Amino acid sequence: MDRDIPARQDTDRMLRELCLMDDGFFSVSFSGDRENTELMLRIILGRDDLTVTSVGTQEDIRNMPGKRSVRLDIAARDREGNLYDIEIQRSRDKAERKRARYYSAMMDAGSLMEGMGYDRLPESYVIFIDEHDALGMGKALYEMERMDKDACEPYGDGSHIVHVSASLADEGTELGRLMHDLRCTDPGKMYYTGLRERTSYFKETEEGKSRMSDVFERLYENGLAEGIAKGIAEGRIQGIAEGRAEGLAEGLAEGRAEGIEDGIRKGAMNTARSMIRDGSIPLAKVAEFSGLSLDEVEKLKSGISDCQG
């Protein structure tokens, strides 16, 4: 039996459930898309003068042997040479602040060649788009940089960390409309033309769906076909396909126990979200299938707010 058949047959179904807040769909949609990356950065950073010159997705920054490397969801550069990393964050990761610090350090380490002076370091921005309240202080946007504690003046080292709370952004603002579009599963209900057209391409055109089908099929080729096919048969494909398969594959590829654990956790969260969005499955059953606690499932439900309905 052709192991790719279930993926082909259910591509439409999986795509209907995906939004740009899903890592895999986010990376594919923004790959090489300078216009929409520029739109996103301009809105988040409040800058009209920013021009993106290059965009890459799922880019690896390698560390020394035996040290942890990183993979950036979106890596971009502007015409002044400034660097940007945009990350989608759906889980409540307690280590997120130190993750931002590490990503920032890795970007710096990779930006200077031997013999270059430190004054050549570009400005760098690590941006986390969080599904929930990023830092728990009720703000839609958090902008962080080092400060002189006594003078309350910026240290001025050119390093910036930004957290966006997607669930708290007001749709009456540009940022709120952007966050709505990232969380929206229906292209027809998106505010921004570029995002709507890009999402519609991958969800509704034969060419775009074919490209996404290739992505799903690669998940099968990574040895996870049986688990995904079982999810299809039981009506639970969304979280398994987008989260568990992708996260486990990444963890296995890295050969790290923590990567595998993160993948399982990510898959469980995405599976639970998909079941909650279905609306007909009791939360206790969602918890039982996903392996999450009932409290975690209830918190997920309270945070889910897409544009369906």
C-alpha atoms as a PDB file:
ATOM      1  CA  MET A   1       0.000   0.000   0.000  1.00  0.00           C
ATOM      2  CA  ASP A   2       1.231   3.497  -0.846  1.00  0.00           C
ATOM      3  CA  ARG A   3       1.914   5.116   2.527  1.00  0.00           C
ATOM      4  CA  ASP A   4       1.485   8.589   1.020  1.00  0.00           C
ATOM      5  CA  ILE A   5      -2.161   8.037   0.040  1.00  0.00           C
ATOM      6  CA  PRO A   6      -3.711   9.119   3.378  1.00  0.00           C
ATOM      7  CA  ALA A   7      -1.700  12.355   3.312  1.00  0.00           C
ATOM      8  CA  ARG A   8      -2.879  13.180  -0.207  1.00  0.00           C
ATOM      9  CA  GLN A   9      -6.491  12.364   0.544  1.00  0.00           C
ATOM     10  CA  ASP A  10      -6.600  14.451   3.686  1.00  0.00           C
ATOM     11  CA  THR A  11      -4.545  17.483   2.650  1.00  0.00           C
ATOM     12  CA  ASP A  12      -7.664  19.635   2.220  1.00  0.00           C
ATOM     13  CA  ARG A  13      -8.943  18.635   5.620  1.00  0.00           C
ATOM     14  CA  MET A  14      -5.665  19.408   7.354  1.00  0.00           C
ATOM     15  CA  LEU A  15      -5.305  22.733   5.557  1.00  0.00           C
ATOM     16  CA  ARG A  16      -8.761  23.880   6.654  1.00  0.00           C
ATOM     17  CA  GLU A  17      -7.683  23.568  10.276  1.00  0.00           C
ATOM     18  CA  LEU A  18      -4.328  25.325   9.941  1.00  0.00           C
ATOM     19  CA  CYS A  19      -3.580  28.979  10.569  1.00  0.00           C
ATOM     20  CA  LEU A  20      -0.379  30.992  10.407  1.00  0.00           C
ATOM     21  CA  MET A  21       0.166  30.417  14.140  1.00  0.00           C
ATOM     22  CA  ASP A  22       0.935  26.781  13.303  1.00  0.00           C
ATOM     23  CA  ASP A  23       4.714  26.429  12.935  1.00  0.00           C
ATOM     24  CA  GLY A  24       4.794  24.344   9.763  1.00  0.00           C
ATOM     25  CA  PHE A  25       2.212  26.400   7.899  1.00  0.00           C
ATOM     26  CA  PHE A  26       3.837  29.637   9.102  1.00  0.00           C
ATOM     27  CA  SER A  27       7.249  28.586   7.788  1.00  0.00           C
ATOM     28  CA  VAL A  28       5.987  27.415   4.403  1.00  0.00           C
ATOM     29  CA  SER A  29       3.787  30.473   3.907  1.00  0.00           C
ATOM     30  CA  PHE A  30       6.506  33.015   4.689  1.00  0.00           C
ATOM     31  CA  SER A  31       9.312  31.241   2.852  1.00  0.00           C
ATOM     32  CA  GLY A  32      10.852  33.846   0.530  1.00  0.00           C
ATOM     33  CA  ASP A  33       7.933  36.223   1.161  1.00  0.00           C
ATOM     34  CA  ARG A  34       9.629  39.575   1.722  1.00  0.00           C
ATOM     35  CA  GLU A  35       6.443  41.626   1.338  1.00  0.00           C
ATOM     36  CA  ASN A  36       4.473  39.955   4.138  1.00  0.00           C
ATOM     37  CA  THR A  37       7.532  39.643   6.379  1.00  0.00           C
ATOM     38  CA  GLU A  38       8.107  43.359   5.943  1.00  0.00           C
ATOM     39  CA  LEU A  39       4.440  44.057   6.736  1.00  0.00           C
ATOM     40  CA  MET A  40       4.678  42.012   9.923  1.00  0.00           C
ATOM     41  CA  LEU A  41       7.893  43.677  11.091  1.00  0.00           C
ATOM     42  CA  ARG A  42       6.666  47.191  10.312  1.00  0.00           C
ATOM     43  CA  ILE A  43       3.497  46.671  12.350  1.00  0.00           C
ATOM     44  CA  ILE A  44       5.139  44.944  15.315  1.00  0.00           C
ATOM     45  CA  LEU A  45       8.034  47.405  15.535  1.00  0.00           C
ATOM     46  CA  GLY A  46       5.999  50.481  14.601  1.00  0.00           C
ATOM     47  CA  ARG A  47       8.310  51.416  11.735  1.00  0.00           C
ATOM     48  CA  ASP A  48       7.358  52.696   8.286  1.00  0.00           C
ATOM     49  CA  ASP A  49      10.928  52.902   6.990  1.00  0.00           C
ATOM     50  CA  LEU A  50      11.864  49.223   7.277  1.00  0.00           C
ATOM     51  CA  THR A  51      12.663  47.442   4.008  1.00  0.00           C
ATOM     52  CA  VAL A  52      13.291  43.693   4.058  1.00  0.00           C
ATOM     53  CA  THR A  53      15.899  42.477   1.582  1.00  0.00           C
ATOM     54  CA  SER A  54      16.057  38.753   2.406  1.00  0.00           C
ATOM     55  CA  VAL A  55      13.888  36.150   4.138  1.00  0.00           C
ATOM     56  CA  GLY A  56      14.602  32.556   5.087  1.00  0.00           C
ATOM     57  CA  THR A  57      12.536  30.080   7.079  1.00  0.00           C
ATOM     58  CA  GLN A  58      13.611  27.214   9.330  1.00  0.00           C
ATOM     59  CA  GLU A  59      17.194  28.452   9.104  1.00  0.00           C
ATOM     60  CA  ASP A  60      19.822  26.713  11.219  1.00  0.00           C
ATOM     61  CA  ILE A  61      22.521  28.561  13.113  1.00  0.00           C
ATOM     62  CA  ARG A  62      25.169  25.998  13.983  1.00  0.00           C
ATOM     63  CA  ASN A  63      27.083  26.138  17.228  1.00  0.00           C
ATOM     64  CA  MET A  64      30.363  24.492  18.195  1.00  0.00           C
ATOM     65  CA  PRO A  65      30.336  20.661  18.245  1.00  0.00           C
ATOM     66  CA  GLY A  66      28.483  19.386  21.279  1.00  0.00           C
ATOM     67  CA  LYS A  67      26.721  22.714  21.864  1.00  0.00           C
ATOM     68  CA  ARG A  68      23.095  23.400  21.100  1.00  0.00           C
ATOM     69  CA  SER A  69      22.323  24.969  17.727  1.00  0.00           C
ATOM     70  CA  VAL A  70      19.093  26.822  16.920  1.00  0.00           C
ATOM     71  CA  ARG A  71      16.553  26.819  14.119  1.00  0.00           C
ATOM     72  CA  LEU A  72      14.852  30.131  13.358  1.00  0.00           C
ATOM     73  CA  ASP A  73      11.230  30.163  12.169  1.00  0.00           C
ATOM     74  CA  ILE A  74      11.877  33.305  10.099  1.00  0.00           C
ATOM     75  CA  ALA A  75      15.288  34.897   9.616  1.00  0.00           C
ATOM     76  CA  ALA A  76      15.215  38.263   7.837  1.00  0.00           C
ATOM     77  CA  ARG A  77      17.581  41.111   7.031  1.00  0.00           C
ATOM     78  CA  ASP A  78      16.779  44.708   6.116  1.00  0.00           C
ATOM     79  CA  ARG A  79      18.582  47.089   3.771  1.00  0.00           C
ATOM     80  CA  GLU A  80      20.678  48.456   6.666  1.00  0.00           C
ATOM     81  CA  GLY A  81      21.872  44.951   7.480  1.00  0.00           C
ATOM     82  CA  ASN A  82      19.845  44.615  10.689  1.00  0.00           C
ATOM     83  CA  LEU A  83      18.832  41.066  11.615  1.00  0.00           C
ATOM     84  CA  TYR A  84      15.402  39.755  12.598  1.00  0.00           C
ATOM     85  CA  ASP A  85      14.241  36.455  14.015  1.00  0.00           C
ATOM     86  CA  ILE A  86      10.473  35.847  14.261  1.00  0.00           C
ATOM     87  CA  GLU A  87       9.303  32.871  16.306  1.00  0.00           C
ATOM     88  CA  ILE A  88       5.843  31.402  16.795  1.00  0.00           C
ATOM     89  CA  GLN A  89       5.269  30.329  20.411  1.00  0.00           C
ATOM     90  CA  ARG A  90       2.081  28.438  21.259  1.00  0.00           C
ATOM     91  CA  SER A  91       3.031  26.648  24.474  1.00  0.00           C
ATOM     92  CA  ARG A  92       3.554  28.300  27.853  1.00  0.00           C
ATOM     93  CA  ASP A  93       7.318  27.816  27.950  1.00  0.00           C
ATOM     94  CA  LYS A  94       8.746  28.912  31.292  1.00  0.00           C
ATOM     95  CA  ALA A  95      12.204  29.160  29.730  1.00  0.00           C
ATOM     96  CA  GLU A  96      11.041  31.466  26.945  1.00  0.00           C
ATOM     97  CA  ARG A  97      12.969  34.505  28.197  1.00  0.00           C
ATOM     98  CA  LYS A  98      16.236  32.586  28.302  1.00  0.00           C
ATOM     99  CA  ARG A  99      15.418  31.079  24.924  1.00  0.00           C
ATOM    100  CA  ALA A 100      15.181  34.628  23.552  1.00  0.00           C
ATOM    101  CA  ARG A 101      18.524  35.461  25.142  1.00  0.00           C
ATOM    102  CA  TYR A 102      20.137  32.378  23.607  1.00  0.00           C
ATOM    103  CA  TYR A 103      18.714  33.045  20.144  1.00  0.00           C
ATOM    104  CA  SER A 104      19.962  36.619  20.323  1.00  0.00           C
ATOM    105  CA  ALA A 105      23.445  35.429  21.289  1.00  0.00           C
ATOM    106  CA  MET A 106      23.499  32.898  18.444  1.00  0.00           C
ATOM    107  CA  MET A 107      22.481  35.555  15.924  1.00  0.00           C
ATOM    108  CA  ASP A 108      25.319  37.761  17.145  1.00  0.00           C
ATOM    109  CA  ALA A 109      27.836  34.919  17.047  1.00  0.00           C
ATOM    110  CA  GLY A 110      26.966  34.192  13.442  1.00  0.00           C
ATOM    111  CA  SER A 111      27.125  37.768  12.187  1.00  0.00           C
ATOM    112  CA  LEU A 112      30.832  38.614  12.574  1.00  0.00           C
ATOM    113  CA  MET A 113      33.641  37.148  10.516  1.00  0.00           C
ATOM    114  CA  GLU A 114      37.133  36.685  11.909  1.00  0.00           C
ATOM    115  CA  GLY A 115      38.932  40.011  12.133  1.00  0.00           C
ATOM    116  CA  MET A 116      35.792  42.159  12.103  1.00  0.00           C
ATOM    117  CA  GLY A 117      35.396  44.731  14.871  1.00  0.00           C
ATOM    118  CA  TYR A 118      32.543  44.590  17.344  1.00  0.00           C
ATOM    119  CA  ASP A 119      31.284  47.886  15.978  1.00  0.00           C
ATOM    120  CA  ARG A 120      30.230  45.909  12.900  1.00  0.00           C
ATOM    121  CA  LEU A 121      27.614  43.990  14.878  1.00  0.00           C
ATOM    122  CA  PRO A 122      24.201  44.747  13.345  1.00  0.00           C
ATOM    123  CA  GLU A 123      21.096  45.621  15.305  1.00  0.00           C
ATOM    124  CA  SER A 124      19.266  42.402  16.123  1.00  0.00           C
ATOM    125  CA  TYR A 125      15.634  41.728  16.944  1.00  0.00           C
ATOM    126  CA  VAL A 126      14.274  38.494  18.390  1.00  0.00           C
ATOM    127  CA  ILE A 127      10.478  38.576  18.136  1.00  0.00           C
ATOM    128  CA  PHE A 128       8.236  35.994  19.786  1.00  0.00           C
ATOM    129  CA  ILE A 129       4.606  35.898  18.708  1.00  0.00           C
ATOM    130  CA  ASP A 130       2.922  34.157  21.633  1.00  0.00           C
ATOM    131  CA  GLU A 131      -0.543  32.647  21.514  1.00  0.00           C
ATOM    132  CA  HIS A 132      -1.099  33.657  25.155  1.00  0.00           C
ATOM    133  CA  ASP A 133      -0.074  36.626  27.307  1.00  0.00           C
ATOM    134  CA  ALA A 134       3.645  36.516  26.683  1.00  0.00           C
ATOM    135  CA  LEU A 135       4.914  37.694  30.059  1.00  0.00           C
ATOM    136  CA  GLY A 136       1.748  37.608  32.146  1.00  0.00           C
ATOM    137  CA  MET A 137       1.357  41.366  32.655  1.00  0.00           C
ATOM    138  CA  GLY A 138      -1.707  41.898  30.485  1.00  0.00           C
ATOM    139  CA  LYS A 139       0.049  43.662  27.600  1.00  0.00           C
ATOM    140  CA  ALA A 140      -0.271  43.014  23.894  1.00  0.00           C
ATOM    141  CA  LEU A 141       3.320  44.095  23.205  1.00  0.00           C
ATOM    142  CA  TYR A 142       6.474  43.883  25.310  1.00  0.00           C
ATOM    143  CA  GLU A 143       9.691  45.526  24.083  1.00  0.00           C
ATOM    144  CA  MET A 144      12.876  44.596  25.933  1.00  0.00           C
ATOM    145  CA  GLU A 145      16.417  45.894  25.848  1.00  0.00           C
ATOM    146  CA  ARG A 146      19.257  46.318  28.340  1.00  0.00           C
ATOM    147  CA  MET A 147      19.072  49.435  30.504  1.00  0.00           C
ATOM    148  CA  ASP A 148      21.261  51.547  32.786  1.00  0.00           C
ATOM    149  CA  LYS A 149      19.370  50.871  36.032  1.00  0.00           C
ATOM    150  CA  ASP A 150      20.285  54.153  37.722  1.00  0.00           C
ATOM    151  CA  ALA A 151      19.766  56.499  34.788  1.00  0.00           C
ATOM    152  CA  CYS A 152      16.901  54.457  33.262  1.00  0.00           C
ATOM    153  CA  GLU A 153      18.574  54.917  29.903  1.00  0.00           C
ATOM    154  CA  PRO A 154      19.005  52.254  27.201  1.00  0.00           C
ATOM    155  CA  TYR A 155      22.402  50.545  27.272  1.00  0.00           C
ATOM    156  CA  GLY A 156      22.515  50.904  23.486  1.00  0.00           C
ATOM    157  CA  ASP A 157      24.091  47.596  22.513  1.00  0.00           C
ATOM    158  CA  GLY A 158      21.705  47.097  19.598  1.00  0.00           C
ATOM    159  CA  SER A 159      20.042  43.958  20.982  1.00  0.00           C
ATOM    160  CA  HIS A 160      16.232  43.939  21.115  1.00  0.00           C
ATOM    161  CA  ILE A 161      13.745  41.312  22.280  1.00  0.00           C
ATOM    162  CA  VAL A 162      10.034  41.706  21.552  1.00  0.00           C
ATOM    163  CA  HIS A 163       7.093  39.622  22.751  1.00  0.00           C
ATOM    164  CA  VAL A 164       3.635  39.919  21.170  1.00  0.00           C
ATOM    165  CA  SER A 165       0.592  38.496  22.965  1.00  0.00           C
ATOM    166  CA  ALA A 166      -1.595  37.419  20.052  1.00  0.00           C
ATOM    167  CA  SER A 167      -4.665  36.839  22.225  1.00  0.00           C
ATOM    168  CA  LEU A 168      -4.568  40.319  23.793  1.00  0.00           C
ATOM    169  CA  ALA A 169      -4.113  42.508  20.722  1.00  0.00           C
ATOM    170  CA  ASP A 170      -7.099  44.781  19.999  1.00  0.00           C
ATOM    171  CA  GLU A 171      -8.508  44.319  16.495  1.00  0.00           C
ATOM    172  CA  GLY A 172      -9.092  48.063  16.404  1.00  0.00           C
ATOM    173  CA  THR A 173      -5.322  48.453  15.964  1.00  0.00           C
ATOM    174  CA  GLU A 174      -2.949  47.397  13.190  1.00  0.00           C
ATOM    175  CA  LEU A 175      -1.267  44.965  15.575  1.00  0.00           C
ATOM    176  CA  GLY A 176      -4.597  43.458  16.584  1.00  0.00           C
ATOM    177  CA  ARG A 177      -5.639  42.972  12.979  1.00  0.00           C
ATOM    178  CA  LEU A 178      -2.285  41.327  12.232  1.00  0.00           C
ATOM    179  CA  MET A 179      -2.680  38.934  15.169  1.00  0.00           C
ATOM    180  CA  HIS A 180      -6.234  38.165  14.033  1.00  0.00           C
ATOM    181  CA  ASP A 181      -4.923  37.210  10.609  1.00  0.00           C
ATOM    182  CA  LEU A 182      -2.220  34.971  12.065  1.00  0.00           C
ATOM    183  CA  ARG A 183      -4.841  33.135  14.134  1.00  0.00           C
ATOM    184  CA  CYS A 184      -7.468  32.967  11.381  1.00  0.00           C
ATOM    185  CA  THR A 185      -8.151  29.696   9.557  1.00  0.00           C
ATOM    186  CA  ASP A 186     -10.337  31.296   6.849  1.00  0.00           C
ATOM    187  CA  PRO A 187      -8.436  33.484   4.327  1.00  0.00           C
ATOM    188  CA  GLY A 188     -11.670  35.230   3.381  1.00  0.00           C
ATOM    189  CA  LYS A 189     -11.910  36.741   6.863  1.00  0.00           C
ATOM    190  CA  MET A 190      -8.391  38.185   6.976  1.00  0.00           C
ATOM    191  CA  TYR A 191      -7.755  41.933   7.087  1.00  0.00           C
ATOM    192  CA  TYR A 192      -4.443  42.210   5.223  1.00  0.00           C
ATOM    193  CA  THR A 193      -4.507  41.567   1.490  1.00  0.00           C
ATOM    194  CA  GLY A 194      -1.009  40.088   1.285  1.00  0.00           C
ATOM    195  CA  LEU A 195      -1.614  37.589   4.077  1.00  0.00           C
ATOM    196  CA  ARG A 196      -5.032  36.731   2.679  1.00  0.00           C
ATOM    197  CA  GLU A 197      -3.657  36.057  -0.789  1.00  0.00           C
ATOM    198  CA  ARG A 198      -0.723  34.027   0.507  1.00  0.00           C
ATOM    199  CA  THR A 199      -2.878  31.898   2.800  1.00  0.00           C
ATOM    200  CA  SER A 200      -5.519  31.456   0.118  1.00  0.00           C
ATOM    201  CA  TYR A 201      -2.841  30.270  -2.304  1.00  0.00           C
ATOM    202  CA  PHE A 202      -1.783  27.405  -0.040  1.00  0.00           C
ATOM    203  CA  LYS A 203      -5.296  26.518   1.113  1.00  0.00           C
ATOM    204  CA  GLU A 204      -7.381  26.972  -2.025  1.00  0.00           C
ATOM    205  CA  THR A 205      -5.305  26.733  -5.231  1.00  0.00           C
ATOM    206  CA  GLU A 206      -4.247  23.411  -6.698  1.00  0.00           C
ATOM    207  CA  GLU A 207      -0.641  24.553  -6.995  1.00  0.00           C
ATOM    208  CA  GLY A 208      -0.500  25.724  -3.385  1.00  0.00           C
ATOM    209  CA  LYS A 209      -2.246  22.633  -2.039  1.00  0.00           C
ATOM    210  CA  SER A 210       0.163  20.480  -3.991  1.00  0.00           C
ATOM    211  CA  ARG A 211       3.102  22.219  -2.333  1.00  0.00           C
ATOM    212  CA  MET A 212       1.556  21.714   1.087  1.00  0.00           C
ATOM    213  CA  SER A 213       0.816  18.104   0.219  1.00  0.00           C
ATOM    214  CA  ASP A 214       4.514  17.651  -0.470  1.00  0.00           C
ATOM    215  CA  VAL A 215       5.235  18.965   3.033  1.00  0.00           C
ATOM    216  CA  PHE A 216       2.794  16.486   4.573  1.00  0.00           C
ATOM    217  CA  GLU A 217       4.251  13.662   2.527  1.00  0.00           C
ATOM    218  CA  ARG A 218       7.725  14.466   3.799  1.00  0.00           C
ATOM    219  CA  LEU A 219       6.391  13.883   7.289  1.00  0.00           C
ATOM    220  CA  TYR A 220       5.393  10.414   6.161  1.00  0.00           C
ATOM    221  CA  GLU A 221       8.839   9.828   4.738  1.00  0.00           C
ATOM    222  CA  ASN A 222      10.298  10.626   8.157  1.00  0.00           C
ATOM    223  CA  GLY A 223       8.792   7.407   9.446  1.00  0.00           C
ATOM    224  CA  LEU A 224       5.609   8.764  11.014  1.00  0.00           C
ATOM    225  CA  ALA A 225       3.072   7.629   8.407  1.00  0.00           C
ATOM    226  CA  GLU A 226       1.422   5.040  10.603  1.00  0.00           C
ATOM    227  CA  GLY A 227       0.677   7.443  13.431  1.00  0.00           C
ATOM    228  CA  ILE A 228      -0.715  10.089  11.113  1.00  0.00           C
ATOM    229  CA  ALA A 229      -2.842   7.571   9.208  1.00  0.00           C
ATOM    230  CA  LYS A 230      -4.319   6.378  12.497  1.00  0.00           C
ATOM    231  CA  GLY A 231      -5.134   9.986  13.357  1.00  0.00           C
ATOM    232  CA  ILE A 232      -6.912  10.383  10.029  1.00  0.00           C
ATOM    233  CA  ALA A 233      -8.956   7.253  10.615  1.00  0.00           C
ATOM    234  CA  GLU A 234     -10.028   8.450  14.056  1.00  0.00           C
ATOM    235  CA  GLY A 235     -10.681  12.041  13.003  1.00  0.00           C
ATOM    236  CA  ARG A 236      -7.730  13.441  14.955  1.00  0.00           C
ATOM    237  CA  ILE A 237      -5.298  14.392  12.214  1.00  0.00           C
ATOM    238  CA  GLN A 238      -4.824  18.096  12.843  1.00  0.00           C
ATOM    239  CA  GLY A 239      -2.634  18.123  15.909  1.00  0.00           C
ATOM    240  CA  ILE A 240      -0.809  14.934  14.963  1.00  0.00           C
ATOM    241  CA  ALA A 241       0.096  16.154  11.488  1.00  0.00           C
ATOM    242  CA  GLU A 242       1.104  19.703  12.291  1.00  0.00           C
ATOM    243  CA  GLY A 243       2.582  19.253  15.745  1.00  0.00           C
ATOM    244  CA  ARG A 244       3.504  15.752  16.783  1.00  0.00           C
ATOM    245  CA  ALA A 245       4.957  14.707  13.443  1.00  0.00           C
ATOM    246  CA  GLU A 246       6.919  17.906  12.944  1.00  0.00           C
ATOM    247  CA  GLY A 247       8.116  18.156  16.511  1.00  0.00           C
ATOM    248  CA  LEU A 248       9.098  14.507  16.795  1.00  0.00           C
ATOM    249  CA  ALA A 249      10.876  14.588  13.455  1.00  0.00           C
ATOM    250  CA  GLU A 250      12.888  17.597  14.565  1.00  0.00           C
ATOM    251  CA  GLY A 251      13.718  15.985  17.869  1.00  0.00           C
ATOM    252  CA  LEU A 252      14.751  12.736  16.267  1.00  0.00           C
ATOM    253  CA  ALA A 253      16.845  14.544  13.663  1.00  0.00           C
ATOM    254  CA  GLU A 254      18.724  16.374  16.399  1.00  0.00           C
ATOM    255  CA  GLY A 255      19.161  13.152  18.355  1.00  0.00           C
ATOM    256  CA  ARG A 256      18.332  14.891  21.610  1.00  0.00           C
ATOM    257  CA  ALA A 257      15.976  13.559  24.241  1.00  0.00           C
ATOM    258  CA  GLU A 258      14.786  17.055  25.031  1.00  0.00           C
ATOM    259  CA  GLY A 259      13.932  17.615  21.357  1.00  0.00           C
ATOM    260  CA  ILE A 260      11.792  14.488  21.289  1.00  0.00           C
ATOM    261  CA  GLU A 261      10.103  15.492  24.525  1.00  0.00           C
ATOM    262  CA  ASP A 262       9.407  18.959  23.146  1.00  0.00           C
ATOM    263  CA  GLY A 263       7.949  17.397  20.007  1.00  0.00           C
ATOM    264  CA  ILE A 264       5.602  15.164  21.963  1.00  0.00           C
ATOM    265  CA  ARG A 265       4.501  18.111  24.082  1.00  0.00           C
ATOM    266  CA  LYS A 266       3.936  20.272  21.015  1.00  0.00           C
ATOM    267  CA  GLY A 267       1.900  17.546  19.342  1.00  0.00           C
ATOM    268  CA  ALA A 268      -0.225  17.066  22.440  1.00  0.00           C
ATOM    269  CA  MET A 269      -1.002  20.787  22.609  1.00  0.00           C
ATOM    270  CA  ASN A 270      -1.906  21.037  18.920  1.00  0.00           C
ATOM    271  CA  THR A 271      -4.013  17.880  19.061  1.00  0.00           C
ATOM    272  CA  ALA A 272      -5.918  19.270  22.033  1.00  0.00           C
ATOM    273  CA  ARG A 273      -6.528  22.582  20.243  1.00  0.00           C
ATOM    274  CA  SER A 274      -7.910  20.814  17.195  1.00  0.00           C
ATOM    275  CA  MET A 275     -10.266  18.691  19.292  1.00  0.00           C
ATOM    276  CA  ILE A 276     -11.434  21.753  21.234  1.00  0.00           C
ATOM    277  CA  ARG A 277     -12.145  23.628  17.998  1.00  0.00           C
ATOM    278  CA  ASP A 278     -14.280  20.705  16.865  1.00  0.00           C
ATOM    279  CA  GLY A 279     -16.706  21.719  19.622  1.00  0.00           C
ATOM    280  CA  SER A 280     -18.316  18.304  20.075  1.00  0.00           C
ATOM    281  CA  ILE A 281     -15.683  16.555  22.173  1.00  0.00           C
ATOM    282  CA  PRO A 282     -15.907  16.735  26.000  1.00  0.00           C
ATOM    283  CA  LEU A 283     -12.871  18.353  27.576  1.00  0.00           C
ATOM    284  CA  ALA A 284     -12.255  15.242  29.671  1.00  0.00           C
ATOM    285  CA  LYS A 285     -11.903  13.234  26.449  1.00  0.00           C
ATOM    286  CA  VAL A 286      -9.584  15.879  25.014  1.00  0.00           C
ATOM    287  CA  ALA A 287      -7.382  15.505  28.078  1.00  0.00           C
ATOM    288  CA  GLU A 288      -7.498  11.707  27.891  1.00  0.00           C
ATOM    289  CA  PHE A 289      -6.463  11.563  24.233  1.00  0.00           C
ATOM    290  CA  SER A 290      -3.858  14.334  24.287  1.00  0.00           C
ATOM    291  CA  GLY A 291      -2.219  13.306  27.554  1.00  0.00           C
ATOM    292  CA  LEU A 292      -2.631  16.809  28.986  1.00  0.00           C
ATOM    293  CA  SER A 293      -4.221  17.513  32.331  1.00  0.00           C
ATOM    294  CA  LEU A 294      -7.817  18.718  32.426  1.00  0.00           C
ATOM    295  CA  ASP A 295      -6.575  22.038  33.837  1.00  0.00           C
ATOM    296  CA  GLU A 296      -4.233  22.478  30.877  1.00  0.00           C
ATOM    297  CA  VAL A 297      -7.052  21.679  28.443  1.00  0.00           C
ATOM    298  CA  GLU A 298      -9.354  24.203  30.107  1.00  0.00           C
ATOM    299  CA  LYS A 299      -6.652  26.882  29.836  1.00  0.00           C
ATOM    300  CA  LEU A 300      -6.191  26.044  26.156  1.00  0.00           C
ATOM    301  CA  LYS A 301      -9.903  26.399  25.564  1.00  0.00           C
ATOM    302  CA  SER A 302      -9.999  29.811  27.241  1.00  0.00           C
ATOM    303  CA  GLY A 303      -7.141  31.008  25.026  1.00  0.00           C
ATOM    304  CA  ILE A 304      -8.563  29.828  21.724  1.00  0.00           C
ATOM    305  CA  SER A 305     -10.157  32.584  19.682  1.00  0.00           C
ATOM    306  CA  ASP A 306      -9.961  32.209  15.932  1.00  0.00           C
ATOM    307  CA  CYS A 307     -12.172  33.814  13.342  1.00  0.00           C
ATOM    308  CA  GLN A 308     -14.480  30.888  12.620  1.00  0.00           C
ATOM    309  CA  GLY A 309     -18.143  31.249  13.157  1.00  0.00           C
END
